[in-house]
């Protein structure tokens, strides 16, 4: 395969991923709870890998070689600093891209959770009515892998896509996730919920309202 044809195929996959990310984004925006720009899906380059490697070393205590191995297994990651999704070769090489929806919907859950913190929680953080422990627990949950999985399931239900809750975030938690507190408080974590995306968005609204009052 020529380099030009390969580049064209990669760009075609990126276009499909961006279109899919836009549809997913639109469903979350329809809640009216948080307004933010549409995401962008980009191919992870060497500089991105170096930056993610340094982040993993700092946040999870991995040595650099271990962090590189982790990165090679990552299909997609939400780049918080630049507000974009980065897709790795492990996903681009899949002919049918059958896991694309699962990756994007999970990372959309991370993005949505962070936007909720930024736009709806931080503005009420200093209120005398806000219980600090409750506030911290909700923040921890909204940035957790388990909240991202919950959003993924809700989006799967909305789009009619069969996705599964990744139970290893509960049953066999990777050490790095434990070290970075990416699991979420036990009282919020429940992989057996049977809810629609609308139910989830309603839960978010009610939980923040209770916190504020």
C-alpha atoms as a PDB file:
ATOM      1  CA  UNK A   1       0.000   0.000   0.000  1.00  0.00           C
ATOM      2  CA  UNK A   2       1.353   3.398  -0.951  1.00  0.00           C
ATOM      3  CA  UNK A   3       1.932   6.046   1.705  1.00  0.00           C
ATOM      4  CA  UNK A   4      -0.611   8.290  -0.027  1.00  0.00           C
ATOM      5  CA  UNK A   5      -3.316   5.618  -0.010  1.00  0.00           C
ATOM      6  CA  UNK A   6      -2.574   4.783   3.631  1.00  0.00           C
ATOM      7  CA  UNK A   7      -2.792   8.466   4.580  1.00  0.00           C
ATOM      8  CA  UNK A   8      -6.074   8.744   2.718  1.00  0.00           C
ATOM      9  CA  UNK A   9      -7.527   5.755   4.568  1.00  0.00           C
ATOM     10  CA  UNK A  10      -6.453   7.156   7.926  1.00  0.00           C
ATOM     11  CA  UNK A  11      -8.062  10.496   7.088  1.00  0.00           C
ATOM     12  CA  UNK A  12     -11.242   8.696   6.042  1.00  0.00           C
ATOM     13  CA  UNK A  13     -11.340   6.905   9.410  1.00  0.00           C
ATOM     14  CA  UNK A  14     -10.716  10.196  11.226  1.00  0.00           C
ATOM     15  CA  UNK A  15     -13.568  11.792   9.270  1.00  0.00           C
ATOM     16  CA  UNK A  16     -15.890   8.953  10.283  1.00  0.00           C
ATOM     17  CA  UNK A  17     -14.805   9.256  13.918  1.00  0.00           C
ATOM     18  CA  UNK A  18     -15.339  13.018  13.893  1.00  0.00           C
ATOM     19  CA  UNK A  19     -18.813  12.575  12.421  1.00  0.00           C
ATOM     20  CA  UNK A  20     -19.656   9.992  15.058  1.00  0.00           C
ATOM     21  CA  UNK A  21     -18.233  12.192  17.823  1.00  0.00           C
ATOM     22  CA  UNK A  22     -20.365  15.072  16.572  1.00  0.00           C
ATOM     23  CA  UNK A  23     -23.559  12.986  16.779  1.00  0.00           C
ATOM     24  CA  UNK A  24     -22.692  11.822  20.287  1.00  0.00           C
ATOM     25  CA  UNK A  25     -21.880  15.391  21.305  1.00  0.00           C
ATOM     26  CA  UNK A  26     -25.250  16.539  19.980  1.00  0.00           C
ATOM     27  CA  UNK A  27     -27.103  14.055  22.172  1.00  0.00           C
ATOM     28  CA  UNK A  28     -25.319  15.286  25.297  1.00  0.00           C
ATOM     29  CA  UNK A  29     -25.947  18.896  24.291  1.00  0.00           C
ATOM     30  CA  UNK A  30     -29.658  18.154  23.910  1.00  0.00           C
ATOM     31  CA  UNK A  31     -29.871  17.931  27.690  1.00  0.00           C
ATOM     32  CA  UNK A  32     -29.475  21.698  27.801  1.00  0.00           C
ATOM     33  CA  UNK A  33     -27.473  21.342  31.009  1.00  0.00           C
ATOM     34  CA  UNK A  34     -24.040  22.267  29.685  1.00  0.00           C
ATOM     35  CA  UNK A  35     -23.078  24.068  26.485  1.00  0.00           C
ATOM     36  CA  UNK A  36     -19.645  23.519  24.983  1.00  0.00           C
ATOM     37  CA  UNK A  37     -18.079  23.179  21.560  1.00  0.00           C
ATOM     38  CA  UNK A  38     -18.081  20.086  19.393  1.00  0.00           C
ATOM     39  CA  UNK A  39     -15.060  17.802  19.926  1.00  0.00           C
ATOM     40  CA  UNK A  40     -12.271  17.163  17.480  1.00  0.00           C
ATOM     41  CA  UNK A  41     -10.710  13.735  16.839  1.00  0.00           C
ATOM     42  CA  UNK A  42      -7.043  13.802  15.829  1.00  0.00           C
ATOM     43  CA  UNK A  43      -4.389  11.159  15.243  1.00  0.00           C
ATOM     44  CA  UNK A  44      -1.961  10.833  18.142  1.00  0.00           C
ATOM     45  CA  UNK A  45       1.532  11.868  17.033  1.00  0.00           C
ATOM     46  CA  UNK A  46       4.988  11.403  18.570  1.00  0.00           C
ATOM     47  CA  UNK A  47       4.765  14.644  20.559  1.00  0.00           C
ATOM     48  CA  UNK A  48       1.378  13.625  21.956  1.00  0.00           C
ATOM     49  CA  UNK A  49       2.796  10.263  23.039  1.00  0.00           C
ATOM     50  CA  UNK A  50       5.698  11.970  24.820  1.00  0.00           C
ATOM     51  CA  UNK A  51       3.380  14.324  26.675  1.00  0.00           C
ATOM     52  CA  UNK A  52       1.001  11.519  27.678  1.00  0.00           C
ATOM     53  CA  UNK A  53       4.005   9.441  28.772  1.00  0.00           C
ATOM     54  CA  UNK A  54       5.257  12.226  31.031  1.00  0.00           C
ATOM     55  CA  UNK A  55       1.742  12.656  32.433  1.00  0.00           C
ATOM     56  CA  UNK A  56       1.460   8.950  33.237  1.00  0.00           C
ATOM     57  CA  UNK A  57       4.875   8.947  34.914  1.00  0.00           C
ATOM     58  CA  UNK A  58       3.895  11.905  37.070  1.00  0.00           C
ATOM     59  CA  UNK A  59       0.351  10.864  37.914  1.00  0.00           C
ATOM     60  CA  UNK A  60       0.592   7.095  38.287  1.00  0.00           C
ATOM     61  CA  UNK A  61       4.200   6.448  39.244  1.00  0.00           C
ATOM     62  CA  UNK A  62       4.949   4.426  36.104  1.00  0.00           C
ATOM     63  CA  UNK A  63       8.437   4.467  34.670  1.00  0.00           C
ATOM     64  CA  UNK A  64       8.667   5.882  31.153  1.00  0.00           C
ATOM     65  CA  UNK A  65       9.017   2.527  29.376  1.00  0.00           C
ATOM     66  CA  UNK A  66       5.913   1.227  31.162  1.00  0.00           C
ATOM     67  CA  UNK A  67       3.983   4.354  30.226  1.00  0.00           C
ATOM     68  CA  UNK A  68       4.902   3.838  26.566  1.00  0.00           C
ATOM     69  CA  UNK A  69       3.522   0.288  26.709  1.00  0.00           C
ATOM     70  CA  UNK A  70       0.288   1.635  28.190  1.00  0.00           C
ATOM     71  CA  UNK A  71      -0.002   4.261  25.465  1.00  0.00           C
ATOM     72  CA  UNK A  72       0.423   1.642  22.726  1.00  0.00           C
ATOM     73  CA  UNK A  73      -2.646  -0.172  24.091  1.00  0.00           C
ATOM     74  CA  UNK A  74      -4.796   2.949  24.278  1.00  0.00           C
ATOM     75  CA  UNK A  75      -7.311   3.251  21.455  1.00  0.00           C
ATOM     76  CA  UNK A  76      -8.402   6.779  22.274  1.00  0.00           C
ATOM     77  CA  UNK A  77      -7.800   9.300  25.037  1.00  0.00           C
ATOM     78  CA  UNK A  78      -9.310  12.647  25.946  1.00  0.00           C
ATOM     79  CA  UNK A  79      -6.625  15.341  25.880  1.00  0.00           C
ATOM     80  CA  UNK A  80      -7.829  17.658  28.635  1.00  0.00           C
ATOM     81  CA  UNK A  81      -5.331  20.451  28.003  1.00  0.00           C
ATOM     82  CA  UNK A  82      -6.236  20.840  24.323  1.00  0.00           C
ATOM     83  CA  UNK A  83      -9.867  19.687  24.621  1.00  0.00           C
ATOM     84  CA  UNK A  84      -9.709  17.029  21.891  1.00  0.00           C
ATOM     85  CA  UNK A  85      -9.785  13.278  21.399  1.00  0.00           C
ATOM     86  CA  UNK A  86      -6.558  11.578  20.358  1.00  0.00           C
ATOM     87  CA  UNK A  87      -6.846   8.280  18.494  1.00  0.00           C
ATOM     88  CA  UNK A  88      -3.959   5.833  18.442  1.00  0.00           C
ATOM     89  CA  UNK A  89      -2.813   3.353  15.779  1.00  0.00           C
ATOM     90  CA  UNK A  90      -4.384   0.462  17.701  1.00  0.00           C
ATOM     91  CA  UNK A  91      -7.808   1.818  16.747  1.00  0.00           C
ATOM     92  CA  UNK A  92      -6.938   3.176  13.310  1.00  0.00           C
ATOM     93  CA  UNK A  93      -5.643  -0.219  12.207  1.00  0.00           C
ATOM     94  CA  UNK A  94      -8.987  -1.941  12.793  1.00  0.00           C
ATOM     95  CA  UNK A  95     -10.598  -2.550   9.420  1.00  0.00           C
ATOM     96  CA  UNK A  96     -14.215  -2.185  10.527  1.00  0.00           C
ATOM     97  CA  UNK A  97     -13.529   0.137  13.460  1.00  0.00           C
ATOM     98  CA  UNK A  98     -16.126  -1.853  15.387  1.00  0.00           C
ATOM     99  CA  UNK A  99     -15.029  -0.390  18.721  1.00  0.00           C
ATOM    100  CA  UNK A 100     -15.134   3.226  17.569  1.00  0.00           C
ATOM    101  CA  UNK A 101     -18.473   4.017  19.225  1.00  0.00           C
ATOM    102  CA  UNK A 102     -17.388   2.453  22.510  1.00  0.00           C
ATOM    103  CA  UNK A 103     -14.164   4.477  22.602  1.00  0.00           C
ATOM    104  CA  UNK A 104     -15.779   7.778  21.637  1.00  0.00           C
ATOM    105  CA  UNK A 105     -18.752   7.420  23.975  1.00  0.00           C
ATOM    106  CA  UNK A 106     -16.442   6.600  26.913  1.00  0.00           C
ATOM    107  CA  UNK A 107     -14.163   9.573  26.208  1.00  0.00           C
ATOM    108  CA  UNK A 108     -17.263  11.740  25.725  1.00  0.00           C
ATOM    109  CA  UNK A 109     -18.217  10.731  29.252  1.00  0.00           C
ATOM    110  CA  UNK A 110     -14.879  12.043  30.525  1.00  0.00           C
ATOM    111  CA  UNK A 111     -15.305  15.272  28.579  1.00  0.00           C
ATOM    112  CA  UNK A 112     -18.894  15.724  29.738  1.00  0.00           C
ATOM    113  CA  UNK A 113     -17.938  15.090  33.366  1.00  0.00           C
ATOM    114  CA  UNK A 114     -15.162  17.677  33.237  1.00  0.00           C
ATOM    115  CA  UNK A 115     -17.462  20.228  31.620  1.00  0.00           C
ATOM    116  CA  UNK A 116     -20.023  19.639  34.359  1.00  0.00           C
ATOM    117  CA  UNK A 117     -17.360  20.341  36.979  1.00  0.00           C
ATOM    118  CA  UNK A 118     -16.145  23.447  35.173  1.00  0.00           C
ATOM    119  CA  UNK A 119     -19.532  24.953  34.306  1.00  0.00           C
ATOM    120  CA  UNK A 120     -21.846  23.788  37.081  1.00  0.00           C
ATOM    121  CA  UNK A 121     -19.829  22.744  40.137  1.00  0.00           C
ATOM    122  CA  UNK A 122     -16.962  25.228  40.377  1.00  0.00           C
ATOM    123  CA  UNK A 123     -19.341  28.241  40.347  1.00  0.00           C
ATOM    124  CA  UNK A 124     -21.053  26.948  43.514  1.00  0.00           C
ATOM    125  CA  UNK A 125     -17.932  25.641  45.254  1.00  0.00           C
ATOM    126  CA  UNK A 126     -17.656  28.544  47.717  1.00  0.00           C
ATOM    127  CA  UNK A 127     -21.334  28.618  48.643  1.00  0.00           C
ATOM    128  CA  UNK A 128     -21.962  28.199  52.368  1.00  0.00           C
ATOM    129  CA  UNK A 129     -24.775  25.773  51.553  1.00  0.00           C
ATOM    130  CA  UNK A 130     -22.472  23.316  49.791  1.00  0.00           C
ATOM    131  CA  UNK A 131     -21.275  20.356  51.840  1.00  0.00           C
ATOM    132  CA  UNK A 132     -17.548  20.057  51.096  1.00  0.00           C
ATOM    133  CA  UNK A 133     -17.425  16.261  51.366  1.00  0.00           C
ATOM    134  CA  UNK A 134     -20.432  15.875  49.075  1.00  0.00           C
ATOM    135  CA  UNK A 135     -18.870  18.309  46.610  1.00  0.00           C
ATOM    136  CA  UNK A 136     -15.545  16.457  46.551  1.00  0.00           C
ATOM    137  CA  UNK A 137     -17.249  13.073  46.136  1.00  0.00           C
ATOM    138  CA  UNK A 138     -19.251  14.297  43.143  1.00  0.00           C
ATOM    139  CA  UNK A 139     -16.168  15.836  41.517  1.00  0.00           C
ATOM    140  CA  UNK A 140     -14.268  12.568  42.015  1.00  0.00           C
ATOM    141  CA  UNK A 141     -17.131  10.639  40.431  1.00  0.00           C
ATOM    142  CA  UNK A 142     -17.560  12.923  37.412  1.00  0.00           C
ATOM    143  CA  UNK A 143     -13.903  12.493  36.426  1.00  0.00           C
ATOM    144  CA  UNK A 144     -13.925   8.749  37.092  1.00  0.00           C
ATOM    145  CA  UNK A 145     -13.782   5.850  34.666  1.00  0.00           C
ATOM    146  CA  UNK A 146     -17.061   4.598  36.083  1.00  0.00           C
ATOM    147  CA  UNK A 147     -18.931   7.796  35.225  1.00  0.00           C
ATOM    148  CA  UNK A 148     -17.493   7.619  31.696  1.00  0.00           C
ATOM    149  CA  UNK A 149     -18.736   4.027  31.427  1.00  0.00           C
ATOM    150  CA  UNK A 150     -22.170   5.088  32.666  1.00  0.00           C
ATOM    151  CA  UNK A 151     -22.353   7.763  29.973  1.00  0.00           C
ATOM    152  CA  UNK A 152     -21.219   5.183  27.408  1.00  0.00           C
ATOM    153  CA  UNK A 153     -24.095   2.878  28.310  1.00  0.00           C
ATOM    154  CA  UNK A 154     -26.606   5.725  28.151  1.00  0.00           C
ATOM    155  CA  UNK A 155     -25.347   6.749  24.712  1.00  0.00           C
ATOM    156  CA  UNK A 156     -25.402   3.133  23.555  1.00  0.00           C
ATOM    157  CA  UNK A 157     -29.051   2.898  24.574  1.00  0.00           C
ATOM    158  CA  UNK A 158     -29.868   6.146  22.764  1.00  0.00           C
ATOM    159  CA  UNK A 159     -28.176   5.078  19.519  1.00  0.00           C
ATOM    160  CA  UNK A 160     -29.147   1.412  19.689  1.00  0.00           C
ATOM    161  CA  UNK A 161     -25.521   0.251  19.935  1.00  0.00           C
ATOM    162  CA  UNK A 162     -24.698  -2.779  22.091  1.00  0.00           C
ATOM    163  CA  UNK A 163     -21.951  -1.652  24.457  1.00  0.00           C
ATOM    164  CA  UNK A 164     -20.873  -3.280  27.711  1.00  0.00           C
ATOM    165  CA  UNK A 165     -19.887  -1.724  31.028  1.00  0.00           C
ATOM    166  CA  UNK A 166     -16.190  -2.399  31.568  1.00  0.00           C
ATOM    167  CA  UNK A 167     -16.349  -4.169  34.934  1.00  0.00           C
ATOM    168  CA  UNK A 168     -12.596  -4.288  35.378  1.00  0.00           C
ATOM    169  CA  UNK A 169     -12.776  -0.693  36.640  1.00  0.00           C
ATOM    170  CA  UNK A 170     -14.669  -2.212  39.592  1.00  0.00           C
ATOM    171  CA  UNK A 171     -13.603  -5.841  39.880  1.00  0.00           C
ATOM    172  CA  UNK A 172      -9.971  -5.753  38.741  1.00  0.00           C
ATOM    173  CA  UNK A 173      -8.997  -2.118  38.971  1.00  0.00           C
ATOM    174  CA  UNK A 174      -5.691  -1.382  37.219  1.00  0.00           C
ATOM    175  CA  UNK A 175      -3.116  -0.126  39.730  1.00  0.00           C
ATOM    176  CA  UNK A 176      -2.596   3.124  37.846  1.00  0.00           C
ATOM    177  CA  UNK A 177      -6.285   3.975  38.091  1.00  0.00           C
ATOM    178  CA  UNK A 178      -6.239   3.373  41.838  1.00  0.00           C
ATOM    179  CA  UNK A 179      -3.210   5.617  42.241  1.00  0.00           C
ATOM    180  CA  UNK A 180      -4.857   8.389  40.245  1.00  0.00           C
ATOM    181  CA  UNK A 181      -8.228   8.047  42.028  1.00  0.00           C
ATOM    182  CA  UNK A 182     -10.007   7.422  38.737  1.00  0.00           C
ATOM    183  CA  UNK A 183     -12.559   4.916  40.032  1.00  0.00           C
ATOM    184  CA  UNK A 184     -15.045   7.124  41.873  1.00  0.00           C
ATOM    185  CA  UNK A 185     -16.663   6.921  45.334  1.00  0.00           C
ATOM    186  CA  UNK A 186     -18.303   3.540  46.029  1.00  0.00           C
ATOM    187  CA  UNK A 187     -21.708   5.057  46.734  1.00  0.00           C
ATOM    188  CA  UNK A 188     -21.973   6.320  43.160  1.00  0.00           C
ATOM    189  CA  UNK A 189     -20.460   3.324  41.372  1.00  0.00           C
ATOM    190  CA  UNK A 190     -23.001   0.795  40.080  1.00  0.00           C
ATOM    191  CA  UNK A 191     -22.452  -1.155  36.879  1.00  0.00           C
ATOM    192  CA  UNK A 192     -25.934  -2.725  37.058  1.00  0.00           C
ATOM    193  CA  UNK A 193     -27.957   0.435  36.486  1.00  0.00           C
ATOM    194  CA  UNK A 194     -30.658   0.092  33.855  1.00  0.00           C
ATOM    195  CA  UNK A 195     -31.188   3.650  32.683  1.00  0.00           C
ATOM    196  CA  UNK A 196     -31.577   5.690  29.545  1.00  0.00           C
ATOM    197  CA  UNK A 197     -29.421   8.669  28.646  1.00  0.00           C
ATOM    198  CA  UNK A 198     -32.329  10.864  29.714  1.00  0.00           C
ATOM    199  CA  UNK A 199     -32.398   9.170  33.122  1.00  0.00           C
ATOM    200  CA  UNK A 200     -28.677   9.792  33.534  1.00  0.00           C
ATOM    201  CA  UNK A 201     -28.948  13.467  32.609  1.00  0.00           C
ATOM    202  CA  UNK A 202     -31.863  13.825  35.027  1.00  0.00           C
ATOM    203  CA  UNK A 203     -29.730  12.206  37.765  1.00  0.00           C
ATOM    204  CA  UNK A 204     -26.970  14.742  37.078  1.00  0.00           C
ATOM    205  CA  UNK A 205     -29.413  17.653  37.368  1.00  0.00           C
ATOM    206  CA  UNK A 206     -31.011  16.356  40.562  1.00  0.00           C
ATOM    207  CA  UNK A 207     -27.672  15.535  42.221  1.00  0.00           C
ATOM    208  CA  UNK A 208     -26.252  18.986  41.536  1.00  0.00           C
ATOM    209  CA  UNK A 209     -29.503  20.612  42.669  1.00  0.00           C
ATOM    210  CA  UNK A 210     -29.384  18.695  45.957  1.00  0.00           C
ATOM    211  CA  UNK A 211     -25.761  19.709  46.438  1.00  0.00           C
ATOM    212  CA  UNK A 212     -26.584  23.357  45.800  1.00  0.00           C
ATOM    213  CA  UNK A 213     -29.497  23.371  48.235  1.00  0.00           C
END
